Amino acid sequence: MNNSKGIFEEFLEEMSQSDQDSHLTQNEAAHPLFLLERENRLWEKKLEGWEGRLVQVVENKRWQDFLIYLEELDLLKHHFEKIERLFSYAEPVPEQLYMQHLIRSEQEEILEMIAEIKEESFLLGRSTVEKSLFLEHLFLRIRQGISREETRLFEDLRAYVRSQDWQTIYYELLDLGFLFEDVPEFFKEESSFVSEELSREHLEAALQALDIPLSLRGEDGRRLLRLGKFPMNDEANESAQFHAQQAREEGWQTRTYTVRDQTIRYISLRDAHGDFIGILELLEEK
């Protein structure tokens, strides 16, 4: 299975057309639950195709040729990993925890059945009817698992997970990979993303790594942060106080000023409501 287009190549064009017809926004098309539902639809299409082949296999008893297709079932493990990741974002209430237990149990049963297919005893030790019934039961269990995901887990997540957390989930699932390559990019209209798990240590390490001489002052003009060889002389301090007052009163976004042959860029900082909260000073290279 070295197909660079993925294991569901024959369905990608149809699925792409379906996405276009739905008139989804970029974020809707990239929403983690939509991507997982899209992956589930691809699994259902694959199951449908296998069931059609299974009828022919029962008639001519060429099981070895058919079992090659079922090697793709190993990729269900990756799907289950993504579902497991979603469990950590679900509401920790008894009903939800019990539902997670059921899903995990179903997944374990499915993986055990997939492993059994690979055993020689399955091919040689079972009759045609027994093999056919076993696979029909496996396909049924997979469909039941998909249904439970979407009607219980996904619906609960839609109601419980905060909107700002979906981008975090998106990137976590993207790292695990999907069964199709054309995964749209998730974005925030604010063009920024800050996780609640971001710590002061993270910020300090990132600023040190950037190695940019800068200073940050609060609303009252007091310095809150100094990084690198940012000038600390009286002229630089007086210039910062002056530009902070100007930014507060005049509402400009950025200005530059030269202090002792050093060019400093002042950037007005404002909160989500547009209120002035401080000024950022950057030492620009000559």
Protein backbone atom coordinates (compact mmCIF):
# COMPACT_ATOMS: atom_id res chain seq x y z
CA MET A 1 0.00 0.00 0.00
CA ASN A 2 2.41 2.66 -1.23
CA ASN A 3 -0.25 4.82 -2.83
CA SER A 4 0.85 8.44 -2.32
CA LYS A 5 -2.74 9.59 -2.62
CA GLY A 6 -3.89 7.53 0.35
CA ILE A 7 -5.80 4.31 0.74
CA PHE A 8 -9.11 5.87 -0.30
CA GLU A 9 -7.94 7.29 -3.61
CA GLU A 10 -11.09 6.29 -5.47
CA PHE A 11 -13.26 8.34 -3.11
CA LEU A 12 -11.20 11.54 -2.76
CA GLU A 13 -12.52 13.24 -5.89
CA GLU A 14 -16.12 12.51 -4.93
CA MET A 15 -15.55 13.68 -1.36
CA SER A 16 -13.84 16.87 -2.56
CA GLN A 17 -16.80 17.69 -4.77
CA SER A 18 -19.16 17.05 -1.86
CA ASP A 19 -17.20 19.50 0.30
CA GLN A 20 -17.41 22.18 -2.37
CA ASP A 21 -21.15 21.76 -2.73
CA SER A 22 -21.70 22.15 1.01
CA HIS A 23 -20.46 25.78 0.96
CA LEU A 24 -18.55 25.32 4.20
CA THR A 25 -16.40 28.12 5.53
CA GLN A 26 -12.68 27.41 5.86
CA ASN A 27 -12.92 26.82 9.60
CA GLU A 28 -16.02 24.63 9.26
CA ALA A 29 -14.24 22.47 6.70
CA ALA A 30 -11.19 22.25 9.00
CA HIS A 31 -13.14 21.65 12.21
CA PRO A 32 -11.74 18.53 13.93
CA LEU A 33 -15.16 16.88 14.21
CA PHE A 34 -15.93 17.53 10.55
CA LEU A 35 -12.59 16.00 9.57
CA LEU A 36 -13.28 12.93 11.69
CA GLU A 37 -16.79 12.60 10.26
CA ARG A 38 -15.28 12.87 6.79
CA GLU A 39 -12.86 10.10 7.72
CA ASN A 40 -15.77 8.00 8.97
CA ARG A 41 -17.59 8.44 5.66
CA LEU A 42 -14.51 7.15 3.87
CA TRP A 43 -14.41 4.09 6.11
CA GLU A 44 -18.08 3.42 5.42
CA LYS A 45 -17.48 3.63 1.68
CA LYS A 46 -14.59 1.23 2.01
CA LEU A 47 -16.69 -1.22 4.03
CA GLU A 48 -19.39 -1.05 1.38
CA GLY A 49 -16.87 -1.90 -1.31
CA TRP A 50 -15.48 -4.81 0.68
CA GLU A 51 -18.94 -6.23 1.26
CA GLY A 52 -19.53 -6.25 -2.48
CA ARG A 53 -16.26 -8.12 -3.01
CA LEU A 54 -17.11 -10.49 -0.17
CA VAL A 55 -20.17 -11.77 -2.05
CA GLN A 56 -17.96 -12.65 -5.03
CA VAL A 57 -15.37 -14.31 -2.78
CA VAL A 58 -17.99 -16.55 -1.21
CA GLU A 59 -19.00 -17.67 -4.68
CA ASN A 60 -15.49 -18.46 -6.02
CA LYS A 61 -13.75 -19.06 -2.65
CA ARG A 62 -10.66 -16.99 -3.56
CA TRP A 63 -10.07 -15.79 0.01
CA GLN A 64 -6.38 -15.06 -0.33
CA ASP A 65 -7.02 -12.38 -2.95
CA PHE A 66 -9.70 -10.76 -0.79
CA LEU A 67 -7.66 -10.67 2.42
CA ILE A 68 -5.10 -8.41 0.77
CA TYR A 69 -7.68 -5.62 0.75
CA LEU A 70 -8.28 -6.07 4.46
CA GLU A 71 -4.68 -5.12 5.28
CA GLU A 72 -5.95 -1.54 5.15
CA LEU A 73 -7.93 -2.22 8.33
CA ASP A 74 -4.67 -1.78 10.26
CA LEU A 75 -5.10 1.97 9.74
CA LEU A 76 -8.08 1.93 12.08
CA LYS A 77 -5.53 2.09 14.90
CA HIS A 78 -4.67 5.64 13.85
CA HIS A 79 -8.33 6.60 13.85
CA PHE A 80 -8.75 5.18 17.34
CA GLU A 81 -5.73 7.21 18.51
CA LYS A 82 -7.48 10.39 17.41
CA ILE A 83 -10.67 9.37 19.24
CA GLU A 84 -8.60 8.69 22.36
CA ARG A 85 -7.16 12.21 22.11
CA LEU A 86 -10.68 13.64 22.04
CA PHE A 87 -11.55 11.84 25.29
CA SER A 88 -9.29 14.22 27.22
CA TYR A 89 -11.44 17.17 26.12
CA ALA A 90 -14.82 15.61 26.97
CA GLU A 91 -16.81 16.59 30.04
CA PRO A 92 -15.63 14.39 32.97
CA VAL A 93 -19.08 13.24 34.08
CA PRO A 94 -20.11 9.62 34.80
CA GLU A 95 -22.22 9.27 31.65
CA GLN A 96 -19.38 10.46 29.43
CA LEU A 97 -16.76 8.32 31.18
CA TYR A 98 -18.94 5.22 30.81
CA MET A 99 -19.45 5.98 27.12
CA GLN A 100 -15.68 6.26 26.70
CA HIS A 101 -15.30 2.87 28.38
CA LEU A 102 -17.75 1.37 25.87
CA ILE A 103 -15.93 2.90 22.90
CA ARG A 104 -12.56 1.65 24.13
CA SER A 105 -13.99 -1.84 24.62
CA GLU A 106 -15.41 -1.82 21.09
CA GLN A 107 -12.09 -0.64 19.68
CA GLU A 108 -10.19 -3.41 21.47
CA GLU A 109 -12.62 -6.00 20.13
CA ILE A 110 -12.27 -4.65 16.59
CA LEU A 111 -8.46 -4.69 16.73
CA GLU A 112 -8.49 -8.24 18.09
CA MET A 113 -10.74 -9.34 15.23
CA ILE A 114 -8.46 -7.64 12.70
CA ALA A 115 -5.46 -9.44 14.20
CA GLU A 116 -7.33 -12.75 13.99
CA ILE A 117 -7.84 -12.33 10.25
CA LYS A 118 -4.07 -12.42 9.76
CA GLU A 119 -3.69 -15.76 11.50
CA GLU A 120 -3.27 -18.84 9.35
CA SER A 121 -5.96 -20.60 11.34
CA PHE A 122 -8.51 -18.08 10.05
CA LEU A 123 -7.83 -18.90 6.43
CA LEU A 124 -7.32 -22.65 6.79
CA GLY A 125 -9.29 -23.57 9.88
CA ARG A 126 -12.64 -22.00 9.06
CA SER A 127 -15.26 -22.80 6.49
CA THR A 128 -16.32 -20.32 3.82
CA VAL A 129 -19.52 -19.54 5.72
CA GLU A 130 -17.63 -19.04 8.99
CA LYS A 131 -15.15 -16.62 7.43
CA SER A 132 -17.94 -14.70 5.74
CA LEU A 133 -19.97 -14.39 8.95
CA PHE A 134 -16.87 -13.32 10.89
CA LEU A 135 -16.13 -10.50 8.45
CA GLU A 136 -19.76 -9.39 8.35
CA HIS A 137 -19.69 -9.15 12.14
CA LEU A 138 -16.42 -7.18 12.03
CA PHE A 139 -17.84 -4.70 9.54
CA LEU A 140 -20.93 -4.34 11.70
CA ARG A 141 -18.83 -3.61 14.79
CA ILE A 142 -16.90 -0.94 12.90
CA ARG A 143 -20.14 0.73 11.80
CA GLN A 144 -21.49 0.58 15.35
CA GLY A 145 -18.32 2.22 16.61
CA ILE A 146 -18.65 5.01 14.06
CA SER A 147 -22.25 5.58 15.11
CA ARG A 148 -21.35 5.74 18.80
CA GLU A 149 -18.54 8.22 18.08
CA GLU A 150 -20.80 10.60 16.21
CA THR A 151 -24.01 10.34 18.24
CA ARG A 152 -22.45 10.32 21.70
CA LEU A 153 -18.86 11.57 21.78
CA PHE A 154 -19.01 14.16 18.99
CA GLU A 155 -22.32 15.59 20.12
CA ASP A 156 -21.10 15.94 23.70
CA LEU A 157 -17.90 17.61 22.53
CA ARG A 158 -19.83 20.11 20.42
CA ALA A 159 -21.75 21.17 23.51
CA TYR A 160 -18.89 21.12 26.01
CA VAL A 161 -15.62 22.16 24.32
CA ARG A 162 -14.96 25.90 24.22
CA SER A 163 -14.58 27.45 20.78
CA GLN A 164 -11.02 28.62 21.49
CA ASP A 165 -9.92 25.04 22.22
CA TRP A 166 -10.81 23.63 18.81
CA GLN A 167 -7.66 24.99 17.20
CA THR A 168 -5.54 23.17 19.77
CA ILE A 169 -7.44 19.95 19.05
CA TYR A 170 -7.05 20.52 15.32
CA TYR A 171 -3.25 20.60 15.52
CA GLU A 172 -3.12 17.61 17.87
CA LEU A 173 -5.16 15.50 15.43
CA LEU A 174 -3.22 16.83 12.47
CA ASP A 175 -0.02 15.50 14.05
CA LEU A 176 -1.63 12.04 14.15
CA GLY A 177 -2.67 12.31 10.50
CA PHE A 178 -5.87 11.76 8.55
CA LEU A 179 -6.78 9.32 5.79
CA PHE A 180 -6.77 12.08 3.20
CA GLU A 181 -4.19 14.69 2.26
CA ASP A 182 -6.34 17.69 1.39
CA VAL A 183 -6.83 18.81 5.00
CA PRO A 184 -7.77 22.51 5.04
CA GLU A 185 -5.94 24.87 7.37
CA PHE A 186 -7.73 25.92 10.53
CA PHE A 187 -7.33 29.60 11.33
CA LYS A 188 -8.58 32.20 13.77
CA GLU A 189 -9.90 35.48 12.43
CA GLU A 190 -7.79 37.27 15.04
CA SER A 191 -4.74 35.78 13.25
CA SER A 192 -3.33 34.69 16.61
CA PHE A 193 -3.55 31.71 18.90
CA VAL A 194 -2.70 31.48 22.60
CA SER A 195 -3.22 28.27 24.53
CA GLU A 196 -4.19 28.40 28.19
CA GLU A 197 -1.27 26.06 28.81
CA LEU A 198 1.19 28.77 27.76
CA SER A 199 3.34 29.58 30.78
CA ARG A 200 5.64 32.41 31.75
CA GLU A 201 8.56 30.02 31.26
CA HIS A 202 7.45 29.40 27.67
CA LEU A 203 7.33 33.13 26.94
CA GLU A 204 10.68 33.85 28.56
CA ALA A 205 12.34 31.02 26.64
CA ALA A 206 10.80 32.16 23.35
CA LEU A 207 11.89 35.78 23.89
CA GLN A 208 15.42 34.73 24.76
CA ALA A 209 15.56 32.54 21.65
CA LEU A 210 14.47 35.46 19.45
CA ASP A 211 17.37 37.54 20.83
CA ILE A 212 15.73 40.86 19.90
CA PRO A 213 16.60 43.89 22.06
CA LEU A 214 13.26 45.17 23.31
CA SER A 215 11.44 46.77 26.19
CA LEU A 216 7.82 46.53 27.26
CA ARG A 217 6.08 49.19 29.34
CA GLY A 218 2.67 49.06 30.95
CA GLU A 219 -0.17 51.55 30.75
CA ASP A 220 1.46 53.78 33.38
CA GLY A 221 4.79 53.83 31.51
CA ARG A 222 6.66 51.60 33.95
CA ARG A 223 8.98 49.04 32.37
CA LEU A 224 7.65 45.48 32.68
CA LEU A 225 10.24 43.71 30.55
CA ARG A 226 13.71 44.32 29.14
CA LEU A 227 15.39 41.87 26.77
CA GLY A 228 18.87 41.98 25.31
CA LYS A 229 20.95 45.15 25.05
CA PHE A 230 18.06 47.56 24.98
CA PRO A 231 19.27 51.07 25.99
CA MET A 232 18.60 52.10 29.60
CA ASN A 233 19.85 55.71 29.50
CA ASP A 234 17.79 58.72 30.57
CA GLU A 235 17.17 59.85 26.98
CA ALA A 236 15.69 56.46 26.04
CA ASN A 237 13.53 56.46 29.16
CA GLU A 238 12.22 59.99 28.52
CA SER A 239 11.51 59.13 24.87
CA ALA A 240 9.52 56.06 25.90
CA GLN A 241 7.42 58.03 28.38
CA PHE A 242 6.73 60.70 25.75
CA HIS A 243 5.71 58.21 23.04
CA ALA A 244 3.57 56.21 25.46
CA GLN A 245 1.63 59.37 26.31
CA GLN A 246 1.28 60.20 22.62
CA ALA A 247 0.08 56.72 21.74
CA ARG A 248 -2.53 56.86 24.50
CA GLU A 249 -3.85 60.27 23.42
CA GLU A 250 -3.47 60.16 19.64
CA GLY A 251 -4.19 56.48 19.02
CA TRP A 252 -1.36 55.80 16.58
CA GLN A 253 -0.01 52.27 16.14
CA THR A 254 3.71 52.69 15.56
CA ARG A 255 6.40 55.37 15.42
CA THR A 256 10.21 55.46 15.22
CA TYR A 257 12.60 57.82 17.00
CA THR A 258 16.40 58.08 17.17
CA VAL A 259 18.10 58.20 20.56
CA ARG A 260 21.90 58.50 20.65
CA ASP A 261 22.21 57.19 17.07
CA GLN A 262 19.99 54.22 17.89
CA THR A 263 16.62 53.87 16.15
CA ILE A 264 13.79 52.73 18.43
CA ARG A 265 10.41 51.63 17.13
CA TYR A 266 7.46 52.23 19.47
CA ILE A 267 4.40 50.04 19.04
CA SER A 268 1.16 50.88 20.81
CA LEU A 269 -0.39 47.88 22.61
CA ARG A 270 -4.15 47.62 23.00
CA ASP A 271 -6.54 45.01 24.38
CA ALA A 272 -9.43 43.36 22.56
CA HIS A 273 -11.61 46.43 23.25
CA GLY A 274 -9.06 48.83 21.78
CA ASP A 275 -8.00 50.31 25.12
CA PHE A 276 -4.37 51.31 25.53
CA ILE A 277 -2.47 48.89 27.80
CA GLY A 278 1.19 49.71 27.12
CA ILE A 279 3.93 50.25 24.60
CA LEU A 280 6.50 47.94 23.06
CA GLU A 281 9.97 49.33 22.26
CA LEU A 282 12.12 47.58 19.65
CA LEU A 283 15.72 48.44 18.89
CA GLU A 284 16.00 48.37 15.10
CA GLU A 285 19.15 47.31 13.29
CA LYS A 286 20.96 49.88 11.23
